[in-house]
N, C-alpha and C. Protein backbone atom coordinates (compact mmCIF):
# COMPACT_ATOMS: atom_id res chain seq x y z
N MET A 1 -8.67 -3.58 -52.48
CA MET A 1 -7.75 -2.61 -51.94
C MET A 1 -8.47 -1.62 -51.02
N LEU A 2 -9.62 -1.16 -51.48
CA LEU A 2 -10.36 -0.18 -50.69
C LEU A 2 -10.93 -0.80 -49.41
N HIS A 3 -11.33 -2.08 -49.48
CA HIS A 3 -11.89 -2.72 -48.30
C HIS A 3 -10.82 -2.92 -47.21
N ILE A 4 -9.56 -3.08 -47.58
CA ILE A 4 -8.48 -3.20 -46.61
C ILE A 4 -8.30 -1.87 -45.88
N LEU A 5 -8.40 -0.78 -46.63
CA LEU A 5 -8.29 0.55 -46.02
C LEU A 5 -9.42 0.78 -45.02
N TRP A 6 -10.65 0.36 -45.37
CA TRP A 6 -11.79 0.52 -44.46
C TRP A 6 -11.61 -0.33 -43.20
N ILE A 7 -11.05 -1.50 -43.31
CA ILE A 7 -10.81 -2.36 -42.14
C ILE A 7 -9.79 -1.70 -41.22
N LEU A 8 -8.72 -1.11 -41.80
CA LEU A 8 -7.73 -0.42 -40.98
C LEU A 8 -8.33 0.79 -40.27
N ILE A 9 -9.12 1.57 -40.98
CA ILE A 9 -9.76 2.74 -40.38
C ILE A 9 -10.72 2.31 -39.28
N LYS A 10 -11.47 1.23 -39.52
CA LYS A 10 -12.41 0.73 -38.53
C LYS A 10 -11.67 0.27 -37.27
N PHE A 11 -10.56 -0.41 -37.43
CA PHE A 11 -9.76 -0.89 -36.30
C PHE A 11 -9.20 0.29 -35.51
N ILE A 12 -8.69 1.31 -36.18
CA ILE A 12 -8.14 2.49 -35.51
C ILE A 12 -9.24 3.24 -34.76
N LEU A 13 -10.42 3.38 -35.36
CA LEU A 13 -11.51 4.07 -34.70
C LEU A 13 -12.02 3.31 -33.47
N ILE A 14 -12.03 1.99 -33.53
CA ILE A 14 -12.44 1.19 -32.37
C ILE A 14 -11.46 1.41 -31.22
N ILE A 15 -10.17 1.40 -31.51
CA ILE A 15 -9.15 1.63 -30.48
C ILE A 15 -9.31 3.04 -29.89
N LEU A 16 -9.50 4.04 -30.74
CA LEU A 16 -9.70 5.41 -30.25
C LEU A 16 -10.97 5.54 -29.41
N GLY A 17 -12.03 4.84 -29.80
CA GLY A 17 -13.27 4.85 -29.01
C GLY A 17 -13.09 4.24 -27.63
N ILE A 18 -12.34 3.15 -27.56
CA ILE A 18 -12.06 2.52 -26.27
C ILE A 18 -11.25 3.46 -25.39
N LEU A 19 -10.22 4.09 -25.96
CA LEU A 19 -9.41 5.03 -25.18
C LEU A 19 -10.23 6.24 -24.71
N LEU A 20 -11.10 6.74 -25.57
CA LEU A 20 -11.95 7.86 -25.19
C LEU A 20 -12.92 7.44 -24.08
N GLY A 21 -13.46 6.24 -24.16
CA GLY A 21 -14.35 5.74 -23.11
C GLY A 21 -13.63 5.60 -21.77
N LEU A 22 -12.39 5.10 -21.78
CA LEU A 22 -11.62 4.98 -20.54
C LEU A 22 -11.29 6.35 -19.96
N ALA A 23 -10.97 7.30 -20.82
CA ALA A 23 -10.69 8.65 -20.34
C ALA A 23 -11.94 9.28 -19.74
N LEU A 24 -13.09 9.07 -20.36
CA LEU A 24 -14.35 9.58 -19.83
C LEU A 24 -14.68 8.93 -18.49
N LEU A 25 -14.44 7.64 -18.37
CA LEU A 25 -14.67 6.93 -17.10
C LEU A 25 -13.78 7.49 -15.99
N ALA A 26 -12.52 7.77 -16.31
CA ALA A 26 -11.60 8.33 -15.32
C ALA A 26 -12.06 9.72 -14.87
N VAL A 27 -12.50 10.54 -15.79
CA VAL A 27 -12.98 11.88 -15.44
C VAL A 27 -14.23 11.79 -14.57
N LEU A 28 -15.14 10.89 -14.91
CA LEU A 28 -16.36 10.74 -14.12
C LEU A 28 -16.06 10.22 -12.71
N LEU A 29 -15.10 9.32 -12.59
CA LEU A 29 -14.70 8.84 -11.27
C LEU A 29 -14.11 9.97 -10.43
N LEU A 30 -13.30 10.80 -11.05
CA LEU A 30 -12.72 11.93 -10.32
C LEU A 30 -13.80 12.91 -9.86
N LEU A 31 -14.81 13.12 -10.69
CA LEU A 31 -15.83 14.10 -10.36
C LEU A 31 -16.87 13.59 -9.37
N PHE A 32 -17.27 12.34 -9.49
CA PHE A 32 -18.43 11.88 -8.74
C PHE A 32 -18.13 10.88 -7.62
N CYS A 33 -16.94 10.40 -7.48
CA CYS A 33 -16.61 9.50 -6.39
C CYS A 33 -15.97 10.33 -5.27
N PRO A 34 -16.58 10.37 -4.08
CA PRO A 34 -16.10 11.27 -3.04
C PRO A 34 -14.81 10.81 -2.38
N VAL A 35 -14.08 11.78 -1.88
CA VAL A 35 -12.90 11.52 -1.05
C VAL A 35 -13.39 11.58 0.39
N ARG A 36 -13.12 10.52 1.14
CA ARG A 36 -13.57 10.46 2.53
C ARG A 36 -12.38 10.63 3.45
N TYR A 37 -12.58 11.33 4.53
CA TYR A 37 -11.49 11.55 5.47
C TYR A 37 -12.02 11.48 6.89
N GLN A 38 -11.14 11.08 7.79
CA GLN A 38 -11.47 10.98 9.19
C GLN A 38 -10.20 11.22 9.98
N ALA A 39 -10.31 11.94 11.08
CA ALA A 39 -9.12 12.25 11.88
C ALA A 39 -9.49 12.27 13.36
N ARG A 40 -8.47 12.01 14.17
CA ARG A 40 -8.63 12.04 15.63
C ARG A 40 -7.33 12.57 16.21
N ALA A 41 -7.45 13.51 17.13
CA ALA A 41 -6.26 14.08 17.76
C ALA A 41 -6.51 14.24 19.25
N VAL A 42 -5.44 14.02 20.04
CA VAL A 42 -5.51 14.16 21.48
C VAL A 42 -4.27 14.91 21.94
N LYS A 43 -4.50 15.98 22.73
CA LYS A 43 -3.39 16.73 23.30
C LYS A 43 -3.74 17.02 24.75
N GLU A 44 -3.08 16.32 25.67
CA GLU A 44 -3.42 16.45 27.08
C GLU A 44 -2.48 17.39 27.83
N THR A 45 -1.22 17.46 27.42
CA THR A 45 -0.26 18.32 28.10
C THR A 45 0.18 19.44 27.17
N GLY A 46 1.11 20.27 27.63
CA GLY A 46 1.52 21.43 26.87
C GLY A 46 2.46 21.17 25.72
N SER A 47 3.14 20.04 25.68
CA SER A 47 4.14 19.79 24.67
C SER A 47 3.50 19.28 23.38
N PHE A 48 4.02 19.78 22.25
CA PHE A 48 3.52 19.33 20.96
C PHE A 48 3.94 17.89 20.68
N LYS A 49 5.09 17.48 21.20
CA LYS A 49 5.57 16.12 20.93
C LYS A 49 4.72 15.06 21.60
N GLU A 50 3.95 15.44 22.60
CA GLU A 50 3.09 14.47 23.27
C GLU A 50 1.70 14.39 22.65
N THR A 51 1.48 15.10 21.57
CA THR A 51 0.22 15.06 20.86
C THR A 51 0.10 13.76 20.09
N GLU A 52 -1.10 13.19 20.08
CA GLU A 52 -1.36 11.99 19.30
C GLU A 52 -2.35 12.35 18.20
N LEU A 53 -2.03 11.91 16.97
CA LEU A 53 -2.88 12.22 15.83
C LEU A 53 -2.97 10.98 14.96
N GLU A 54 -4.17 10.67 14.54
CA GLU A 54 -4.40 9.58 13.58
C GLU A 54 -5.38 10.10 12.54
N ALA A 55 -5.04 9.90 11.27
CA ALA A 55 -5.90 10.38 10.18
C ALA A 55 -5.99 9.30 9.10
N ARG A 56 -7.10 9.31 8.40
CA ARG A 56 -7.33 8.33 7.34
C ARG A 56 -8.07 9.00 6.20
N ILE A 57 -7.59 8.78 4.99
CA ILE A 57 -8.23 9.33 3.79
C ILE A 57 -8.43 8.16 2.82
N THR A 58 -9.65 8.03 2.28
CA THR A 58 -9.93 6.96 1.31
C THR A 58 -10.63 7.55 0.10
N TRP A 59 -10.48 6.85 -1.01
CA TRP A 59 -11.12 7.27 -2.25
C TRP A 59 -11.47 6.03 -3.05
N LEU A 60 -12.48 6.12 -3.84
CA LEU A 60 -12.94 5.08 -4.75
C LEU A 60 -13.34 3.83 -3.97
N PHE A 61 -14.25 3.99 -3.02
CA PHE A 61 -14.80 2.90 -2.22
C PHE A 61 -13.71 2.11 -1.50
N HIS A 62 -12.77 2.81 -0.90
CA HIS A 62 -11.66 2.26 -0.10
C HIS A 62 -10.65 1.47 -0.95
N VAL A 63 -10.64 1.69 -2.24
CA VAL A 63 -9.63 1.04 -3.08
C VAL A 63 -8.27 1.69 -2.81
N ILE A 64 -8.26 3.01 -2.72
CA ILE A 64 -7.02 3.74 -2.46
C ILE A 64 -7.20 4.46 -1.11
N GLY A 65 -6.20 4.33 -0.25
CA GLY A 65 -6.30 4.96 1.06
C GLY A 65 -4.95 5.39 1.59
N VAL A 66 -5.00 6.31 2.55
CA VAL A 66 -3.80 6.80 3.20
C VAL A 66 -4.08 6.86 4.70
N ARG A 67 -3.14 6.38 5.49
CA ARG A 67 -3.23 6.49 6.95
C ARG A 67 -2.00 7.24 7.45
N PHE A 68 -2.24 8.11 8.41
CA PHE A 68 -1.15 8.85 9.03
C PHE A 68 -1.28 8.76 10.53
N CYS A 69 -0.19 8.37 11.21
CA CYS A 69 -0.15 8.29 12.67
C CYS A 69 0.97 9.18 13.17
N PHE A 70 0.69 9.92 14.22
CA PHE A 70 1.70 10.75 14.85
C PHE A 70 1.62 10.51 16.34
N HIS A 71 2.64 9.80 16.88
CA HIS A 71 2.70 9.48 18.30
C HIS A 71 4.10 9.80 18.81
N ASN A 72 4.19 10.46 19.95
CA ASN A 72 5.47 10.76 20.61
C ASN A 72 6.47 11.45 19.69
N GLY A 73 6.01 12.37 18.89
CA GLY A 73 6.90 13.14 18.03
C GLY A 73 7.34 12.42 16.77
N GLU A 74 6.82 11.24 16.51
CA GLU A 74 7.18 10.48 15.31
C GLU A 74 5.94 10.26 14.45
N GLY A 75 6.07 10.55 13.17
CA GLY A 75 4.96 10.37 12.25
C GLY A 75 5.20 9.19 11.32
N LYS A 76 4.12 8.54 10.92
CA LYS A 76 4.22 7.42 9.99
C LYS A 76 3.09 7.52 8.99
N LEU A 77 3.44 7.42 7.72
CA LEU A 77 2.49 7.50 6.62
C LEU A 77 2.42 6.15 5.94
N VAL A 78 1.21 5.61 5.78
CA VAL A 78 1.01 4.32 5.14
C VAL A 78 0.04 4.51 3.99
N ILE A 79 0.42 4.09 2.81
CA ILE A 79 -0.43 4.16 1.63
C ILE A 79 -1.02 2.77 1.40
N LEU A 80 -2.34 2.71 1.23
CA LEU A 80 -3.04 1.44 1.10
C LEU A 80 -3.64 1.30 -0.30
N PHE A 81 -3.61 0.09 -0.82
CA PHE A 81 -4.24 -0.24 -2.09
C PHE A 81 -5.06 -1.50 -1.85
N PHE A 82 -6.38 -1.40 -1.94
CA PHE A 82 -7.31 -2.48 -1.58
C PHE A 82 -7.09 -2.93 -0.14
N GLY A 83 -6.76 -2.00 0.76
CA GLY A 83 -6.59 -2.31 2.17
C GLY A 83 -5.25 -2.91 2.53
N VAL A 84 -4.36 -3.07 1.58
CA VAL A 84 -3.04 -3.65 1.82
C VAL A 84 -2.00 -2.55 1.60
N SER A 85 -1.06 -2.42 2.54
CA SER A 85 -0.07 -1.36 2.41
C SER A 85 0.89 -1.64 1.26
N LEU A 86 1.42 -0.57 0.69
CA LEU A 86 2.36 -0.72 -0.42
C LEU A 86 3.64 -1.42 0.03
N GLU A 87 4.02 -1.24 1.31
CA GLU A 87 5.21 -1.93 1.82
C GLU A 87 5.00 -3.44 1.78
N THR A 88 3.80 -3.90 2.14
CA THR A 88 3.49 -5.33 2.09
C THR A 88 3.52 -5.83 0.65
N ILE A 89 2.96 -5.06 -0.26
CA ILE A 89 2.95 -5.47 -1.67
C ILE A 89 4.37 -5.55 -2.20
N LYS A 90 5.23 -4.58 -1.81
CA LYS A 90 6.64 -4.64 -2.23
C LYS A 90 7.32 -5.87 -1.68
N GLY A 91 7.01 -6.24 -0.43
CA GLY A 91 7.57 -7.46 0.16
C GLY A 91 7.14 -8.70 -0.61
N TRP A 92 5.87 -8.75 -1.01
CA TRP A 92 5.40 -9.89 -1.80
C TRP A 92 6.13 -9.97 -3.13
N LEU A 93 6.33 -8.81 -3.77
CA LEU A 93 7.03 -8.81 -5.06
C LEU A 93 8.48 -9.25 -4.90
N LYS A 94 9.13 -8.84 -3.80
CA LYS A 94 10.50 -9.27 -3.55
C LYS A 94 10.56 -10.78 -3.33
N LYS A 95 9.55 -11.32 -2.62
CA LYS A 95 9.52 -12.77 -2.41
C LYS A 95 9.35 -13.51 -3.73
N LEU A 96 8.50 -12.95 -4.61
CA LEU A 96 8.31 -13.59 -5.91
C LEU A 96 9.59 -13.58 -6.73
N LYS A 97 10.27 -12.44 -6.73
CA LYS A 97 11.54 -12.36 -7.46
C LYS A 97 12.58 -13.25 -6.82
N GLY A 98 12.61 -13.29 -5.49
CA GLY A 98 13.56 -14.14 -4.77
C GLY A 98 13.27 -15.61 -4.99
N GLY A 99 12.00 -15.97 -5.17
CA GLY A 99 11.63 -17.37 -5.39
C GLY A 99 12.17 -17.90 -6.70
N ARG A 100 12.28 -17.06 -7.69
CA ARG A 100 12.82 -17.50 -8.98
C ARG A 100 14.31 -17.76 -8.88
N ARG A 101 15.00 -16.96 -8.08
CA ARG A 101 16.44 -17.14 -7.91
C ARG A 101 16.75 -18.23 -6.90
N LYS A 102 15.77 -18.59 -6.09
CA LYS A 102 15.99 -19.53 -5.01
C LYS A 102 16.42 -20.91 -5.51
N ASN A 103 16.02 -21.27 -6.71
CA ASN A 103 16.36 -22.58 -7.25
C ASN A 103 17.86 -22.77 -7.42
N SER A 104 18.58 -21.69 -7.64
CA SER A 104 20.01 -21.80 -7.86
C SER A 104 20.80 -21.75 -6.56
N VAL A 105 20.13 -21.51 -5.43
CA VAL A 105 20.81 -21.40 -4.14
C VAL A 105 21.10 -22.80 -3.61
N SER A 106 22.26 -22.96 -3.03
CA SER A 106 22.64 -24.27 -2.51
C SER A 106 21.85 -24.63 -1.26
N GLN A 107 21.86 -25.90 -0.90
CA GLN A 107 21.11 -26.39 0.25
C GLN A 107 21.65 -25.82 1.56
N THR A 108 22.97 -25.62 1.67
CA THR A 108 23.53 -25.11 2.92
C THR A 108 23.10 -23.68 3.17
N SER A 109 23.03 -22.86 2.13
CA SER A 109 22.61 -21.48 2.34
C SER A 109 21.13 -21.42 2.69
N ARG A 110 20.33 -22.37 2.20
CA ARG A 110 18.92 -22.42 2.57
C ARG A 110 18.76 -22.73 4.05
N SER A 111 19.53 -23.68 4.54
CA SER A 111 19.42 -24.03 5.95
C SER A 111 19.92 -22.88 6.83
N LYS A 112 20.94 -22.15 6.38
CA LYS A 112 21.42 -21.00 7.14
C LYS A 112 20.33 -19.92 7.19
N ALA A 113 19.63 -19.72 6.08
CA ALA A 113 18.57 -18.72 6.05
C ALA A 113 17.44 -19.11 6.99
N LYS A 114 17.11 -20.40 7.06
CA LYS A 114 16.06 -20.85 7.98
C LYS A 114 16.46 -20.60 9.43
N LYS A 115 17.74 -20.84 9.76
CA LYS A 115 18.21 -20.61 11.12
C LYS A 115 18.13 -19.13 11.46
N ARG A 116 18.49 -18.26 10.49
CA ARG A 116 18.42 -16.83 10.73
C ARG A 116 16.98 -16.38 10.96
N LYS A 117 16.03 -16.95 10.20
CA LYS A 117 14.63 -16.60 10.36
C LYS A 117 14.13 -17.00 11.75
N LYS A 118 14.52 -18.20 12.20
CA LYS A 118 14.11 -18.66 13.53
C LYS A 118 14.67 -17.75 14.61
N LYS A 119 15.93 -17.37 14.47
CA LYS A 119 16.58 -16.51 15.46
C LYS A 119 15.91 -15.13 15.49
N SER A 120 15.58 -14.57 14.33
CA SER A 120 14.94 -13.26 14.29
C SER A 120 13.52 -13.34 14.85
N ALA A 121 12.84 -14.47 14.63
CA ALA A 121 11.48 -14.63 15.17
C ALA A 121 11.53 -14.71 16.69
N GLN A 122 12.57 -15.31 17.25
CA GLN A 122 12.69 -15.39 18.70
C GLN A 122 12.98 -14.02 19.29
N THR A 123 13.82 -13.22 18.64
CA THR A 123 14.13 -11.90 19.17
C THR A 123 12.96 -10.94 18.99
N GLU A 124 12.13 -11.14 17.94
CA GLU A 124 10.97 -10.28 17.74
C GLU A 124 9.90 -10.55 18.79
N GLY A 125 9.92 -11.72 19.40
CA GLY A 125 8.95 -12.04 20.44
C GLY A 125 9.10 -11.17 21.66
N ASN A 126 10.28 -10.62 21.89
CA ASN A 126 10.53 -9.74 23.03
C ASN A 126 10.32 -8.29 22.61
N ILE A 127 9.08 -7.84 22.64
CA ILE A 127 8.76 -6.48 22.20
C ILE A 127 8.83 -5.56 23.41
N SER A 128 9.58 -4.48 23.28
CA SER A 128 9.69 -3.51 24.36
C SER A 128 8.47 -2.58 24.34
N GLY A 129 8.38 -1.74 25.35
CA GLY A 129 7.27 -0.80 25.43
C GLY A 129 7.26 0.20 24.30
N GLU A 130 8.45 0.66 23.88
CA GLU A 130 8.55 1.63 22.79
C GLU A 130 8.09 1.01 21.47
N GLN A 131 8.46 -0.24 21.24
CA GLN A 131 8.02 -0.91 20.01
C GLN A 131 6.52 -1.14 20.04
N ASN A 132 5.98 -1.37 21.23
CA ASN A 132 4.55 -1.56 21.35
C ASN A 132 3.81 -0.27 20.99
N LYS A 133 4.36 0.88 21.37
CA LYS A 133 3.75 2.16 21.02
C LYS A 133 3.80 2.39 19.51
N LYS A 134 4.91 1.98 18.88
CA LYS A 134 5.01 2.14 17.43
C LYS A 134 4.05 1.20 16.72
N ALA A 135 3.80 0.04 17.32
CA ALA A 135 2.89 -0.92 16.71
C ALA A 135 1.45 -0.42 16.72
N ARG A 136 1.15 0.55 17.62
CA ARG A 136 -0.20 1.10 17.66
C ARG A 136 -0.56 1.77 16.35
N CYS A 137 0.41 2.35 15.66
CA CYS A 137 0.14 3.01 14.39
C CYS A 137 -0.32 2.02 13.33
N LYS A 138 0.10 0.77 13.45
CA LYS A 138 -0.29 -0.22 12.47
C LYS A 138 -1.76 -0.60 12.64
N ARG A 139 -2.24 -0.54 13.88
CA ARG A 139 -3.63 -0.86 14.13
C ARG A 139 -4.49 0.36 13.81
N SER A 140 -5.67 0.10 13.38
CA SER A 140 -6.57 1.19 13.03
C SER A 140 -7.44 1.54 14.24
N PHE A 141 -7.82 2.81 14.37
CA PHE A 141 -8.71 3.19 15.44
C PHE A 141 -10.15 3.21 14.98
N TRP A 142 -10.41 2.78 13.74
CA TRP A 142 -11.77 2.72 13.23
C TRP A 142 -12.29 1.33 13.32
C-alpha cells in the first residue's frame, strides 16, 4: 500500500519537474534571446501618403517574425512563423480540412471547380500597375 503511494508521488513530482523546467526554459529564452529589428523609410515629396516604409522584427533565431510595409498610404502587416506567413498556414489548414470533405463531392462539381481555377489563373496573369505595387510588400528588401 505504501509503495503505491510513493509511485504516485514520484510520478507527480516528475511531471512538476518537467513543467518547472519548461517554464525556466521559456523565461531564459525571453531574457537571453535578442529581438532583432530593421527598418527602411523613404520620403521624397511633401505628402505623408507618398512615404514608403518597410520594417522587419524577428525573435528566436527568425522563428517568429513580423513584417510591415507601408506604400502609397496603405499598410500591410505580415506575421511569420518559421519564415512562412500565418495566412499561408491558414490556407494550408483549409486545404487539409477541405481535402477530407472532398471525397463526398460529386465529379461534376470537381470539374466545375477546376474550370474556375483555370479561369482565375488566367485573369491573375494580367497584373495591373497598382497590383504590382502591392506585390512589392510581399517581397523582402533584405
